[in-house]
Amino acid sequence: MDAHALKASLPKSVLPYPTGLWNQAKYVFWKVIAPCFTTVQNLLLNLHVIHHSGRQPFVLGSLAPGKSVEDFLHYIESIGFANHFIAWVDDGELLGLRKLDGFEYQYHIRIFDDGEIRGHYEYTPEAHMIWHVKEVGMVDRREDFLGMLGDWIIPAPSVETLNPTRAPQHSAGAR
């Protein structure tokens, strides 16, 4: 099954209805713009109004030998991950999914055509669009992901293991 068919087969991520008038207004705003969001985003990318390239940070590891992408997707769907249509598509990305942690936060995982898996914890674009785009508050939450993914992946060395004196780096604005 190709990546488009896999993505189409996954359930859409459904935001919980938030509390507070301001968050409820943002919720309604995203319900209105969601149907055309990807089309507008792709148009702006093609016109070079906005830019995105490369891969975001926080490598978790790679798909374990003998595990198929399809089976991995069924597993992560069973633990609450769903299609995240709003996200940028990184270079070589097959699928990007998220697991919501309320209205404001999400775990975001990406699966790449070379078997690499990356993930981070961040604000949802629906709750904090500007912070989300500027990657404010984006963190790796590596231990959370490794606990969720278990033997489905072969963990990559952590950033701290590779370079213990340097914090993870990433470029602001890439989503």
C-alpha atoms as a PDB file:
ATOM      1  CA  MET A   1       0.000   0.000   0.000  1.00  0.00           C
ATOM      2  CA  ASP A   2       1.431   3.412  -0.893  1.00  0.00           C
ATOM      3  CA  ALA A   3       1.758   6.315   1.545  1.00  0.00           C
ATOM      4  CA  HIS A   4      -1.293   8.179   0.201  1.00  0.00           C
ATOM      5  CA  ALA A   5      -3.503   5.109   0.552  1.00  0.00           C
ATOM      6  CA  LEU A   6      -2.129   4.468   4.054  1.00  0.00           C
ATOM      7  CA  LYS A   7      -2.777   8.056   5.094  1.00  0.00           C
ATOM      8  CA  ALA A   8      -6.301   7.953   3.669  1.00  0.00           C
ATOM      9  CA  SER A   9      -7.003   4.757   5.624  1.00  0.00           C
ATOM     10  CA  LEU A  10      -6.150   6.348   8.980  1.00  0.00           C
ATOM     11  CA  PRO A  11      -8.715   8.107  11.122  1.00  0.00           C
ATOM     12  CA  LYS A  12      -8.502  11.892  11.236  1.00  0.00           C
ATOM     13  CA  SER A  13      -7.269  13.488  14.414  1.00  0.00           C
ATOM     14  CA  VAL A  14     -10.274  14.898  16.268  1.00  0.00           C
ATOM     15  CA  LEU A  15      -9.703  17.763  18.673  1.00  0.00           C
ATOM     16  CA  PRO A  16     -11.578  17.688  21.954  1.00  0.00           C
ATOM     17  CA  TYR A  17     -13.918  20.621  22.425  1.00  0.00           C
ATOM     18  CA  PRO A  18     -12.026  23.046  24.668  1.00  0.00           C
ATOM     19  CA  THR A  19     -13.070  25.064  27.672  1.00  0.00           C
ATOM     20  CA  GLY A  20     -12.812  28.838  27.688  1.00  0.00           C
ATOM     21  CA  LEU A  21     -14.325  31.223  25.177  1.00  0.00           C
ATOM     22  CA  TRP A  22     -11.027  32.079  23.420  1.00  0.00           C
ATOM     23  CA  ASN A  23     -10.113  28.395  22.866  1.00  0.00           C
ATOM     24  CA  GLN A  24     -13.661  27.685  21.699  1.00  0.00           C
ATOM     25  CA  ALA A  25     -13.334  30.502  19.138  1.00  0.00           C
ATOM     26  CA  LYS A  26     -10.047  28.991  17.901  1.00  0.00           C
ATOM     27  CA  TYR A  27     -11.729  25.587  17.696  1.00  0.00           C
ATOM     28  CA  VAL A  28     -14.510  26.985  15.485  1.00  0.00           C
ATOM     29  CA  PHE A  29     -11.979  28.891  13.350  1.00  0.00           C
ATOM     30  CA  TRP A  30     -10.089  25.652  12.584  1.00  0.00           C
ATOM     31  CA  LYS A  31     -13.326  23.791  11.833  1.00  0.00           C
ATOM     32  CA  VAL A  32     -14.044  26.451   9.185  1.00  0.00           C
ATOM     33  CA  ILE A  33     -10.576  26.577   7.577  1.00  0.00           C
ATOM     34  CA  ALA A  34      -9.679  22.874   7.850  1.00  0.00           C
ATOM     35  CA  PRO A  35     -11.273  21.783   4.550  1.00  0.00           C
ATOM     36  CA  CYS A  36      -9.091  24.167   2.506  1.00  0.00           C
ATOM     37  CA  PHE A  37      -6.004  24.379   4.725  1.00  0.00           C
ATOM     38  CA  THR A  38      -3.810  21.865   2.877  1.00  0.00           C
ATOM     39  CA  THR A  39      -4.666  23.331  -0.528  1.00  0.00           C
ATOM     40  CA  VAL A  40      -3.776  26.862   0.593  1.00  0.00           C
ATOM     41  CA  GLN A  41      -0.609  25.659   2.337  1.00  0.00           C
ATOM     42  CA  ASN A  42       0.542  23.793  -0.795  1.00  0.00           C
ATOM     43  CA  LEU A  43      -0.212  26.828  -2.974  1.00  0.00           C
ATOM     44  CA  LEU A  44       1.850  29.102  -0.711  1.00  0.00           C
ATOM     45  CA  LEU A  45       4.711  26.573  -0.720  1.00  0.00           C
ATOM     46  CA  ASN A  46       4.633  26.306  -4.536  1.00  0.00           C
ATOM     47  CA  LEU A  47       4.583  30.103  -4.874  1.00  0.00           C
ATOM     48  CA  HIS A  48       7.555  30.298  -2.454  1.00  0.00           C
ATOM     49  CA  VAL A  49       5.606  32.558  -0.083  1.00  0.00           C
ATOM     50  CA  ILE A  50       6.380  30.115   2.726  1.00  0.00           C
ATOM     51  CA  HIS A  51       9.225  27.605   2.830  1.00  0.00           C
ATOM     52  CA  HIS A  52       9.826  24.211   4.329  1.00  0.00           C
ATOM     53  CA  SER A  53      12.605  21.718   3.741  1.00  0.00           C
ATOM     54  CA  GLY A  54      14.617  19.160   5.626  1.00  0.00           C
ATOM     55  CA  ARG A  55      13.526  17.157   8.622  1.00  0.00           C
ATOM     56  CA  GLN A  56      12.633  18.355  12.063  1.00  0.00           C
ATOM     57  CA  PRO A  57      14.847  17.298  14.963  1.00  0.00           C
ATOM     58  CA  PHE A  58      14.380  14.540  17.537  1.00  0.00           C
ATOM     59  CA  VAL A  59      15.256  11.250  15.876  1.00  0.00           C
ATOM     60  CA  LEU A  60      13.684   8.424  17.871  1.00  0.00           C
ATOM     61  CA  GLY A  61      15.111   5.547  15.861  1.00  0.00           C
ATOM     62  CA  SER A  62      14.123   3.312  12.993  1.00  0.00           C
ATOM     63  CA  LEU A  63      11.456   0.716  12.370  1.00  0.00           C
ATOM     64  CA  ALA A  64      12.554  -2.604  13.865  1.00  0.00           C
ATOM     65  CA  PRO A  65      13.523  -5.419  11.476  1.00  0.00           C
ATOM     66  CA  GLY A  66      10.551  -7.567  10.502  1.00  0.00           C
ATOM     67  CA  LYS A  67       8.051  -4.798  11.283  1.00  0.00           C
ATOM     68  CA  SER A  68       6.114  -3.344   8.358  1.00  0.00           C
ATOM     69  CA  VAL A  69       5.050   0.276   8.077  1.00  0.00           C
ATOM     70  CA  GLU A  70       1.442  -0.892   7.732  1.00  0.00           C
ATOM     71  CA  ASP A  71       1.573  -2.935  10.959  1.00  0.00           C
ATOM     72  CA  PHE A  72       3.361  -0.088  12.765  1.00  0.00           C
ATOM     73  CA  LEU A  73       0.614   2.310  11.685  1.00  0.00           C
ATOM     74  CA  HIS A  74      -2.084  -0.030  12.951  1.00  0.00           C
ATOM     75  CA  TYR A  75      -0.236  -0.250  16.269  1.00  0.00           C
ATOM     76  CA  ILE A  76       0.205   3.503  16.755  1.00  0.00           C
ATOM     77  CA  GLU A  77      -3.394   4.053  15.699  1.00  0.00           C
ATOM     78  CA  SER A  78      -4.426   1.610  18.452  1.00  0.00           C
ATOM     79  CA  ILE A  79      -2.613   3.754  21.048  1.00  0.00           C
ATOM     80  CA  GLY A  80      -4.303   6.978  19.945  1.00  0.00           C
ATOM     81  CA  PHE A  81      -2.311   8.416  17.039  1.00  0.00           C
ATOM     82  CA  ALA A  82      -4.302   9.719  14.069  1.00  0.00           C
ATOM     83  CA  ASN A  83      -3.792  11.498  10.746  1.00  0.00           C
ATOM     84  CA  HIS A  84      -2.376  14.997  11.246  1.00  0.00           C
ATOM     85  CA  PHE A  85      -3.278  16.737   7.990  1.00  0.00           C
ATOM     86  CA  ILE A  86      -2.228  20.210   9.164  1.00  0.00           C
ATOM     87  CA  ALA A  87       1.465  19.394   9.556  1.00  0.00           C
ATOM     88  CA  TRP A  88       4.273  20.208   7.159  1.00  0.00           C
ATOM     89  CA  VAL A  89       5.597  17.257   5.211  1.00  0.00           C
ATOM     90  CA  ASP A  90       9.315  16.774   5.884  1.00  0.00           C
ATOM     91  CA  ASP A  91      11.730  15.544   3.220  1.00  0.00           C
ATOM     92  CA  GLY A  92      11.226  11.798   2.717  1.00  0.00           C
ATOM     93  CA  GLU A  93       8.206  11.665   5.034  1.00  0.00           C
ATOM     94  CA  LEU A  94       5.691   8.910   4.419  1.00  0.00           C
ATOM     95  CA  LEU A  95       3.279   9.800   7.200  1.00  0.00           C
ATOM     96  CA  GLY A  96       2.869  12.249  10.047  1.00  0.00           C
ATOM     97  CA  LEU A  97       0.499  11.455  12.895  1.00  0.00           C
ATOM     98  CA  ARG A  98      -0.356  13.008  16.196  1.00  0.00           C
ATOM     99  CA  LYS A  99      -1.719  11.935  19.546  1.00  0.00           C
ATOM    100  CA  LEU A 100      -3.576  14.744  21.228  1.00  0.00           C
ATOM    101  CA  ASP A 101      -2.932  15.598  24.847  1.00  0.00           C
ATOM    102  CA  GLY A 102      -6.004  17.761  25.353  1.00  0.00           C
ATOM    103  CA  PHE A 103      -6.708  20.785  23.155  1.00  0.00           C
ATOM    104  CA  GLU A 104      -3.356  22.514  23.613  1.00  0.00           C
ATOM    105  CA  TYR A 105      -0.675  19.815  23.264  1.00  0.00           C
ATOM    106  CA  GLN A 106       0.179  16.900  21.025  1.00  0.00           C
ATOM    107  CA  TYR A 107       2.701  14.154  20.463  1.00  0.00           C
ATOM    108  CA  HIS A 108       3.733  14.307  16.794  1.00  0.00           C
ATOM    109  CA  ILE A 109       5.411  11.373  15.083  1.00  0.00           C
ATOM    110  CA  ARG A 110       6.794  11.129  11.554  1.00  0.00           C
ATOM    111  CA  ILE A 111       7.673   7.976   9.615  1.00  0.00           C
ATOM    112  CA  PHE A 112      10.130   8.318   6.721  1.00  0.00           C
ATOM    113  CA  ASP A 113      10.748   6.330   3.556  1.00  0.00           C
ATOM    114  CA  ASP A 114      14.180   5.245   4.859  1.00  0.00           C
ATOM    115  CA  GLY A 115      12.600   3.718   8.000  1.00  0.00           C
ATOM    116  CA  GLU A 116      13.611   6.594  10.279  1.00  0.00           C
ATOM    117  CA  ILE A 117      11.098   7.688  12.924  1.00  0.00           C
ATOM    118  CA  ARG A 118      11.120  11.127  14.519  1.00  0.00           C
ATOM    119  CA  GLY A 119       8.870  12.586  17.167  1.00  0.00           C
ATOM    120  CA  HIS A 120       8.326  15.577  19.396  1.00  0.00           C
ATOM    121  CA  TYR A 121       5.843  17.077  21.837  1.00  0.00           C
ATOM    122  CA  GLU A 122       4.447  20.517  21.050  1.00  0.00           C
ATOM    123  CA  TYR A 123       1.555  22.939  21.094  1.00  0.00           C
ATOM    124  CA  THR A 124      -1.245  22.067  18.682  1.00  0.00           C
ATOM    125  CA  PRO A 125      -1.565  24.475  15.763  1.00  0.00           C
ATOM    126  CA  GLU A 126      -5.246  24.880  16.622  1.00  0.00           C
ATOM    127  CA  ALA A 127      -4.512  26.158  20.132  1.00  0.00           C
ATOM    128  CA  HIS A 128      -1.374  28.229  19.481  1.00  0.00           C
ATOM    129  CA  MET A 129      -0.798  28.654  15.751  1.00  0.00           C
ATOM    130  CA  ILE A 130       2.101  31.136  15.942  1.00  0.00           C
ATOM    131  CA  TRP A 131       3.894  29.299  18.761  1.00  0.00           C
ATOM    132  CA  HIS A 132       3.405  26.056  16.840  1.00  0.00           C
ATOM    133  CA  VAL A 133       4.903  27.444  13.618  1.00  0.00           C
ATOM    134  CA  LYS A 134       7.801  29.047  15.496  1.00  0.00           C
ATOM    135  CA  GLU A 135       8.355  25.772  17.413  1.00  0.00           C
ATOM    136  CA  VAL A 136       7.980  27.492  20.795  1.00  0.00           C
ATOM    137  CA  GLY A 137       7.810  24.788  23.446  1.00  0.00           C
ATOM    138  CA  MET A 138       8.725  21.927  21.091  1.00  0.00           C
ATOM    139  CA  VAL A 139      10.520  19.220  23.087  1.00  0.00           C
ATOM    140  CA  ASP A 140      11.638  15.684  22.344  1.00  0.00           C
ATOM    141  CA  ARG A 141       9.848  13.687  25.101  1.00  0.00           C
ATOM    142  CA  ARG A 142      12.049  10.781  23.955  1.00  0.00           C
ATOM    143  CA  GLU A 143      11.298   8.571  26.953  1.00  0.00           C
ATOM    144  CA  ASP A 144       7.541   8.993  26.447  1.00  0.00           C
ATOM    145  CA  PHE A 145       7.838   7.992  22.788  1.00  0.00           C
ATOM    146  CA  LEU A 146      10.134   5.035  23.483  1.00  0.00           C
ATOM    147  CA  GLY A 147       7.689   3.825  26.141  1.00  0.00           C
ATOM    148  CA  MET A 148       4.787   4.096  23.698  1.00  0.00           C
ATOM    149  CA  LEU A 149       6.619   2.463  20.790  1.00  0.00           C
ATOM    150  CA  GLY A 150       8.316  -0.381  22.656  1.00  0.00           C
ATOM    151  CA  ASP A 151       9.874  -3.008  20.407  1.00  0.00           C
ATOM    152  CA  TRP A 152       8.440  -1.463  17.249  1.00  0.00           C
ATOM    153  CA  ILE A 153      11.569   0.659  16.824  1.00  0.00           C
ATOM    154  CA  ILE A 154      15.312   0.371  17.262  1.00  0.00           C
ATOM    155  CA  PRO A 155      16.169   3.469  19.313  1.00  0.00           C
ATOM    156  CA  ALA A 156      18.765   5.865  17.934  1.00  0.00           C
ATOM    157  CA  PRO A 157      21.439   7.111  20.319  1.00  0.00           C
ATOM    158  CA  SER A 158      20.100  10.070  22.260  1.00  0.00           C
ATOM    159  CA  VAL A 159      21.432  13.561  21.585  1.00  0.00           C
ATOM    160  CA  GLU A 160      22.881  13.561  25.092  1.00  0.00           C
ATOM    161  CA  THR A 161      24.801  10.356  24.321  1.00  0.00           C
ATOM    162  CA  LEU A 162      26.181  11.774  21.079  1.00  0.00           C
ATOM    163  CA  ASN A 163      27.076  15.214  22.429  1.00  0.00           C
ATOM    164  CA  PRO A 164      26.387  15.622  26.156  1.00  0.00           C
ATOM    165  CA  THR A 165      27.294  19.335  26.332  1.00  0.00           C
ATOM    166  CA  ARG A 166      24.950  20.525  23.590  1.00  0.00           C
ATOM    167  CA  ALA A 167      21.180  20.825  23.689  1.00  0.00           C
ATOM    168  CA  PRO A 168      19.118  19.721  20.670  1.00  0.00           C
ATOM    169  CA  GLN A 169      19.025  22.394  17.980  1.00  0.00           C
ATOM    170  CA  HIS A 170      16.422  23.152  15.357  1.00  0.00           C
ATOM    171  CA  SER A 171      15.582  26.029  13.082  1.00  0.00           C
ATOM    172  CA  ALA A 172      12.659  28.228  14.035  1.00  0.00           C
ATOM    173  CA  GLY A 173       9.848  28.432  11.565  1.00  0.00           C
ATOM    174  CA  ALA A 174      10.250  24.978  10.002  1.00  0.00           C
ATOM    175  CA  ARG A 175       7.161  22.930  10.660  1.00  0.00           C
END
